[in-house]
Amino acid sequence: MSKLIGYVTVHDEDGSPFTFAPGDDVPDWAVEKISNPNVWDKVESENPGGSESGDDKSKKAFSQLNKEELEALAATENVNIDGLETNKAIREAITTAREAK
């Protein structure tokens, strides 16, 4: 699961507020409701639409990486994701591997 670096409050489907703090495990339903990318831990990813500048890196929230980016990150971090099909499963494998280090 992704980790927060800031405090956020989201409302569940019943309208009840839930506040999450840095370091909390955020459930999937809440991850989907958090739209501010600045509250998540960041990972470096190449900007596919950017210029050729060596400084052209964009920071994208881990929770916002698409499947192709997650697969590339897993390969970079030597995380085995064989047989994992969903972004959620790949994120969990990467997070588990990071926590094991």
Foldseek 3Di string as FASTA:
>chain_A
DWFFPAKDWDAAPVRDIDIDGGPDDDDPRVLVVDDDQVGTDWDWDADPPDDPDPPRIDTGHLSPDDPVRLVVVCVVVVFDCPPPDDSVSSSVSVVVVVVVD
